PDB file of N, CA and C in Angstrom:
ATOM      1  N   MET A   1       0.840  -1.179   0.000  1.00  0.00           N
ATOM      2  CA  MET A   1       0.000   0.000   0.000  1.00  0.00           C
ATOM      3  C   MET A   1       0.885   1.243   0.000  1.00  0.00           C
ATOM      4  N   ASN A   2       0.518   2.223  -0.788  1.00  0.00           N
ATOM      5  CA  ASN A   2       1.273   3.460  -0.919  1.00  0.00           C
ATOM      6  C   ASN A   2       0.889   4.412   0.209  1.00  0.00           C
ATOM      7  N   GLN A   3       1.858   4.867   0.980  1.00  0.00           N
ATOM      8  CA  GLN A   3       1.595   5.750   2.112  1.00  0.00           C
ATOM      9  C   GLN A   3       2.228   7.116   1.869  1.00  0.00           C
ATOM     10  N   LEU A   4       1.603   7.901   1.007  1.00  0.00           N
ATOM     11  CA  LEU A   4       2.106   9.236   0.721  1.00  0.00           C
ATOM     12  C   LEU A   4       1.389  10.258   1.586  1.00  0.00           C
ATOM     13  N   SER A   5       2.172  11.161   2.175  1.00  0.00           N
ATOM     14  CA  SER A   5       1.628  12.247   2.989  1.00  0.00           C
ATOM     15  C   SER A   5       1.981  13.561   2.313  1.00  0.00           C
ATOM     16  N   GLU A   6       1.011  14.451   2.220  1.00  0.00           N
ATOM     17  CA  GLU A   6       1.255  15.770   1.650  1.00  0.00           C
ATOM     18  C   GLU A   6       1.669  16.715   2.772  1.00  0.00           C
ATOM     19  N   LYS A   7       2.779  17.408   2.584  1.00  0.00           N
ATOM     20  CA  LYS A   7       3.291  18.341   3.589  1.00  0.00           C
ATOM     21  C   LYS A   7       3.609  19.674   2.928  1.00  0.00           C
ATOM     22  N   ASN A   8       3.455  20.736   3.678  1.00  0.00           N
ATOM     23  CA  ASN A   8       3.865  22.067   3.237  1.00  0.00           C
ATOM     24  C   ASN A   8       5.223  22.369   3.848  1.00  0.00           C
ATOM     25  N   ILE A   9       6.149  22.825   3.014  1.00  0.00           N
ATOM     26  CA  ILE A   9       7.475  23.205   3.500  1.00  0.00           C
ATOM     27  C   ILE A   9       7.800  24.587   2.955  1.00  0.00           C
ATOM     28  N   GLY A  10       8.774  25.229   3.552  1.00  0.00           N
ATOM     29  CA  GLY A  10       9.288  26.498   3.046  1.00  0.00           C
ATOM     30  C   GLY A  10      10.638  26.250   2.405  1.00  0.00           C
ATOM     31  N   CYS A  11      10.803  26.693   1.164  1.00  0.00           N
ATOM     32  CA  CYS A  11      12.085  26.506   0.483  1.00  0.00           C
ATOM     33  C   CYS A  11      13.170  27.277   1.241  1.00  0.00           C
ATOM     34  N   PRO A  12      14.300  26.626   1.544  1.00  0.00           N
ATOM     35  CA  PRO A  12      15.373  27.321   2.269  1.00  0.00           C
ATOM     36  C   PRO A  12      16.091  28.363   1.416  1.00  0.00           C
ATOM     37  N   TYR A  13      15.823  28.402   0.122  1.00  0.00           N
ATOM     38  CA  TYR A  13      16.451  29.382  -0.767  1.00  0.00           C
ATOM     39  C   TYR A  13      15.544  30.587  -1.010  1.00  0.00           C
ATOM     40  N   CYS A  14      14.367  30.328  -1.616  1.00  0.00           N
ATOM     41  CA  CYS A  14      13.498  31.433  -2.021  1.00  0.00           C
ATOM     42  C   CYS A  14      12.408  31.734  -0.996  1.00  0.00           C
ATOM     43  N   GLY A  15      12.221  30.855  -0.003  1.00  0.00           N
ATOM     44  CA  GLY A  15      11.243  31.079   1.051  1.00  0.00           C
ATOM     45  C   GLY A  15       9.811  30.768   0.660  1.00  0.00           C
ATOM     46  N   GLU A  16       9.608  30.359  -0.572  1.00  0.00           N
ATOM     47  CA  GLU A  16       8.261  30.059  -1.059  1.00  0.00           C
ATOM     48  C   GLU A  16       7.709  28.804  -0.366  1.00  0.00           C
ATOM     49  N   ALA A  17       6.439  28.857   0.008  1.00  0.00           N
ATOM     50  CA  ALA A  17       5.767  27.693   0.588  1.00  0.00           C
ATOM     51  C   ALA A  17       5.372  26.757  -0.548  1.00  0.00           C
ATOM     52  N   ILE A  18       5.806  25.507  -0.472  1.00  0.00           N
ATOM     53  CA  ILE A  18       5.472  24.530  -1.508  1.00  0.00           C
ATOM     54  C   ILE A  18       4.945  23.254  -0.866  1.00  0.00           C
ATOM     55  N   ARG A  19       4.123  22.532  -1.619  1.00  0.00           N
ATOM     56  CA  ARG A  19       3.581  21.252  -1.166  1.00  0.00           C
ATOM     57  C   ARG A  19       4.408  20.131  -1.755  1.00  0.00           C
ATOM     58  N   VAL A  20       4.761  19.183  -0.911  1.00  0.00           N
ATOM     59  CA  VAL A  20       5.532  18.018  -1.358  1.00  0.00           C
ATOM     60  C   VAL A  20       4.841  16.755  -0.879  1.00  0.00           C
ATOM     61  N   LEU A  21       5.058  15.671  -1.612  1.00  0.00           N
ATOM     62  CA  LEU A  21       4.555  14.365  -1.200  1.00  0.00           C
ATOM     63  C   LEU A  21       5.699  13.600  -0.559  1.00  0.00           C
ATOM     64  N   ILE A  22       5.449  13.081   0.636  1.00  0.00           N
ATOM     65  CA  ILE A  22       6.453  12.345   1.395  1.00  0.00           C
ATOM     66  C   ILE A  22       6.008  10.895   1.514  1.00  0.00           C
ATOM     67  N   ASP A  23       6.898   9.960   1.216  1.00  0.00           N
ATOM     68  CA  ASP A  23       6.613   8.536   1.394  1.00  0.00           C
ATOM     69  C   ASP A  23       6.812   8.208   2.866  1.00  0.00           C
ATOM     70  N   SER A  24       5.714   8.087   3.596  1.00  0.00           N
ATOM     71  CA  SER A  24       5.788   7.862   5.041  1.00  0.00           C
ATOM     72  C   SER A  24       5.927   6.387   5.410  1.00  0.00           C
ATOM     73  N   SER A  25       6.045   5.510   4.427  1.00  0.00           N
ATOM     74  CA  SER A  25       6.206   4.091   4.727  1.00  0.00           C
ATOM     75  C   SER A  25       7.632   3.770   5.184  1.00  0.00           C
ATOM     76  N   GLU A  26       8.568   4.672   4.886  1.00  0.00           N
ATOM     77  CA  GLU A  26       9.963   4.454   5.274  1.00  0.00           C
ATOM     78  C   GLU A  26      10.469   5.679   6.032  1.00  0.00           C
ATOM     79  N   MET A  27      10.620   5.539   7.329  1.00  0.00           N
ATOM     80  CA  MET A  27      11.108   6.648   8.154  1.00  0.00           C
ATOM     81  C   MET A  27      12.631   6.708   8.105  1.00  0.00           C
ATOM     82  N   ASP A  28      13.181   7.769   8.642  1.00  0.00           N
ATOM     83  CA  ASP A  28      14.626   7.987   8.690  1.00  0.00           C
ATOM     84  C   ASP A  28      15.249   7.922   7.304  1.00  0.00           C
ATOM     85  N   GLN A  29      14.720   8.717   6.405  1.00  0.00           N
ATOM     86  CA  GLN A  29      15.271   8.781   5.064  1.00  0.00           C
ATOM     87  C   GLN A  29      15.792  10.183   4.778  1.00  0.00           C
ATOM     88  N   GLN A  30      16.699  10.267   3.829  1.00  0.00           N
ATOM     89  CA  GLN A  30      17.284  11.541   3.429  1.00  0.00           C
ATOM     90  C   GLN A  30      17.391  11.533   1.905  1.00  0.00           C
ATOM     91  N   TYR A  31      16.983  12.625   1.270  1.00  0.00           N
ATOM     92  CA  TYR A  31      17.073  12.716  -0.175  1.00  0.00           C
ATOM     93  C   TYR A  31      17.062  14.181  -0.600  1.00  0.00           C
ATOM     94  N   ILE A  32      17.316  14.422  -1.888  1.00  0.00           N
ATOM     95  CA  ILE A  32      17.339  15.773  -2.451  1.00  0.00           C
ATOM     96  C   ILE A  32      16.236  15.881  -3.496  1.00  0.00           C
ATOM     97  N   GLU A  33      15.486  16.977  -3.430  1.00  0.00           N
ATOM     98  CA  GLU A  33      14.425  17.261  -4.399  1.00  0.00           C
ATOM     99  C   GLU A  33      14.517  18.740  -4.750  1.00  0.00           C
ATOM    100  N   ASP A  34      14.365  19.064  -6.022  1.00  0.00           N
ATOM    101  CA  ASP A  34      14.445  20.465  -6.449  1.00  0.00           C
ATOM    102  C   ASP A  34      13.193  21.234  -6.054  1.00  0.00           C
ATOM    103  N   CYS A  35      13.375  22.507  -5.689  1.00  0.00           N
ATOM    104  CA  CYS A  35      12.266  23.399  -5.385  1.00  0.00           C
ATOM    105  C   CYS A  35      11.417  23.574  -6.642  1.00  0.00           C
ATOM    106  N   GLN A  36      10.103  23.534  -6.490  1.00  0.00           N
ATOM    107  CA  GLN A  36       9.186  23.678  -7.612  1.00  0.00           C
ATOM    108  C   GLN A  36       9.152  25.111  -8.136  1.00  0.00           C
ATOM    109  N   VAL A  37       9.664  26.064  -7.347  1.00  0.00           N
ATOM    110  CA  VAL A  37       9.620  27.474  -7.734  1.00  0.00           C
ATOM    111  C   VAL A  37      10.972  27.942  -8.277  1.00  0.00           C
ATOM    112  N   CYS A  38      12.050  27.787  -7.485  1.00  0.00           N
ATOM    113  CA  CYS A  38      13.353  28.315  -7.898  1.00  0.00           C
ATOM    114  C   CYS A  38      14.302  27.242  -8.457  1.00  0.00           C
ATOM    115  N   CYS A  39      13.886  25.987  -8.424  1.00  0.00           N
ATOM    116  CA  CYS A  39      14.636  24.853  -9.005  1.00  0.00           C
ATOM    117  C   CYS A  39      15.965  24.550  -8.323  1.00  0.00           C
ATOM    118  N   ARG A  40      16.181  25.064  -7.127  1.00  0.00           N
ATOM    119  CA  ARG A  40      17.434  24.760  -6.410  1.00  0.00           C
ATOM    120  C   ARG A  40      17.242  23.502  -5.573  1.00  0.00           C
ATOM    121  N   PRO A  41      18.327  22.749  -5.316  1.00  0.00           N
ATOM    122  CA  PRO A  41      18.211  21.456  -4.626  1.00  0.00           C
ATOM    123  C   PRO A  41      17.977  21.614  -3.118  1.00  0.00           C
ATOM    124  N   ILE A  42      16.920  20.989  -2.630  1.00  0.00           N
ATOM    125  CA  ILE A  42      16.570  21.021  -1.209  1.00  0.00           C
ATOM    126  C   ILE A  42      16.902  19.657  -0.603  1.00  0.00           C
ATOM    127  N   ASN A  43      17.638  19.665   0.494  1.00  0.00           N
ATOM    128  CA  ASN A  43      17.926  18.434   1.240  1.00  0.00           C
ATOM    129  C   ASN A  43      16.765  18.158   2.192  1.00  0.00           C
ATOM    130  N   PHE A  44      16.162  16.990   2.063  1.00  0.00           N
ATOM    131  CA  PHE A  44      15.061  16.576   2.921  1.00  0.00           C
ATOM    132  C   PHE A  44      15.552  15.524   3.900  1.00  0.00           C
ATOM    133  N   ILE A  45      15.177  15.676   5.162  1.00  0.00           N
ATOM    134  CA  ILE A  45      15.416  14.649   6.171  1.00  0.00           C
ATOM    135  C   ILE A  45      14.061  14.313   6.783  1.00  0.00           C
ATOM    136  N   ILE A  46      13.646  13.056   6.602  1.00  0.00           N
ATOM    137  CA  ILE A  46      12.344  12.587   7.060  1.00  0.00           C
ATOM    138  C   ILE A  46      12.569  11.674   8.255  1.00  0.00           C
ATOM    139  N   SER A  47      11.836  11.925   9.326  1.00  0.00           N
ATOM    140  CA  SER A  47      11.973  11.095  10.526  1.00  0.00           C
ATOM    141  C   SER A  47      10.634  11.027  11.244  1.00  0.00           C
ATOM    142  N   GLU A  48      10.612  10.269  12.301  1.00  0.00           N
ATOM    143  CA  GLU A  48       9.410  10.124  13.114  1.00  0.00           C
ATOM    144  C   GLU A  48       9.695  10.700  14.496  1.00  0.00           C
ATOM    145  N   SER A  49       8.816  11.574  14.964  1.00  0.00           N
ATOM    146  CA  SER A  49       9.001  12.170  16.286  1.00  0.00           C
ATOM    147  C   SER A  49       8.661  11.151  17.369  1.00  0.00           C
ATOM    148  N   ILE A  50       8.925  11.504  18.597  1.00  0.00           N
ATOM    149  CA  ILE A  50       8.677  10.618  19.732  1.00  0.00           C
ATOM    150  C   ILE A  50       7.214  10.194  19.816  1.00  0.00           C
ATOM    151  N   ASP A  51       6.316  11.121  19.458  1.00  0.00           N
ATOM    152  CA  ASP A  51       4.883  10.808  19.531  1.00  0.00           C
ATOM    153  C   ASP A  51       4.346  10.163  18.248  1.00  0.00           C
ATOM    154  N   GLY A  52       5.242   9.770  17.329  1.00  0.00           N
ATOM    155  CA  GLY A  52       4.837   9.053  16.130  1.00  0.00           C
ATOM    156  C   GLY A  52       4.462   9.908  14.940  1.00  0.00           C
ATOM    157  N   GLU A  53       4.641  11.227  15.044  1.00  0.00           N
ATOM    158  CA  GLU A  53       4.320  12.136  13.950  1.00  0.00           C
ATOM    159  C   GLU A  53       5.442  12.151  12.907  1.00  0.00           C
ATOM    160  N   LEU A  54       5.072  12.331  11.666  1.00  0.00           N
ATOM    161  CA  LEU A  54       6.023  12.471  10.579  1.00  0.00           C
ATOM    162  C   LEU A  54       6.677  13.846  10.674  1.00  0.00           C
ATOM    163  N   THR A  55       8.007  13.896  10.692  1.00  0.00           N
ATOM    164  CA  THR A  55       8.750  15.138  10.784  1.00  0.00           C
ATOM    165  C   THR A  55       9.550  15.333   9.500  1.00  0.00           C
ATOM    166  N   VAL A  56       9.404  16.505   8.890  1.00  0.00           N
ATOM    167  CA  VAL A  56      10.117  16.834   7.658  1.00  0.00           C
ATOM    168  C   VAL A  56      10.970  18.065   7.924  1.00  0.00           C
ATOM    169  N   ASN A  57      12.286  17.911   7.782  1.00  0.00           N
ATOM    170  CA  ASN A  57      13.212  19.040   7.913  1.00  0.00           C
ATOM    171  C   ASN A  57      13.868  19.265   6.562  1.00  0.00           C
ATOM    172  N   VAL A  58      14.003  20.531   6.171  1.00  0.00           N
ATOM    173  CA  VAL A  58      14.616  20.863   4.887  1.00  0.00           C
ATOM    174  C   VAL A  58      15.794  21.804   5.100  1.00  0.00           C
ATOM    175  N   TYR A  59      16.812  21.624   4.261  1.00  0.00           N
ATOM    176  CA  TYR A  59      18.038  22.415   4.362  1.00  0.00           C
ATOM    177  C   TYR A  59      18.546  22.741   2.966  1.00  0.00           C
ATOM    178  N   SER A  60      19.270  23.858   2.859  1.00  0.00           N
ATOM    179  CA  SER A  60      19.931  24.197   1.599  1.00  0.00           C
ATOM    180  C   SER A  60      21.234  23.402   1.496  1.00  0.00           C
ATOM    181  N   GLU A  61      21.862  23.463   0.345  1.00  0.00           N
ATOM    182  CA  GLU A  61      23.134  22.761   0.140  1.00  0.00           C
ATOM    183  C   GLU A  61      24.220  23.278   1.089  1.00  0.00           C
ATOM    184  N   ASP A  62      24.137  24.559   1.450  1.00  0.00           N
ATOM    185  CA  ASP A  62      25.169  25.196   2.267  1.00  0.00           C
ATOM    186  C   ASP A  62      25.039  24.880   3.752  1.00  0.00           C
ATOM    187  N   GLU A  63      23.848  24.485   4.195  1.00  0.00           N
ATOM    188  CA  GLU A  63      23.589  24.253   5.611  1.00  0.00           C
ATOM    189  C   GLU A  63      24.063  22.870   6.038  1.00  0.00           C
ATOM    190  N   ALA A  64      24.657  22.830   7.212  1.00  0.00           N
ATOM    191  CA  ALA A  64      25.027  21.538   7.807  1.00  0.00           C
ATOM    192  C   ALA A  64      23.813  20.986   8.542  1.00  0.00           C
ATOM    193  N   PHE A  65      23.607  19.698   8.457  1.00  0.00           N
ATOM    194  CA  PHE A  65      22.479  19.073   9.149  1.00  0.00           C
ATOM    195  C   PHE A  65      22.900  17.823   9.839  1.00  0.00           C
TER     196      PHE A  65
END
């Protein structure tokens, strides 16, 4: 079964709010996806919080995470 969750994030480059689909079937994943507005690469880190919520953190190429 496909477990996609729609999340709103803010691009770390242009600041634009964009909607992304996150595959919540696999936690603790990291990948890069281009911003839908400015086309710059966003680093995504997907994890599960202590209370079981899906957590999405985004970073620019320059930021350490």
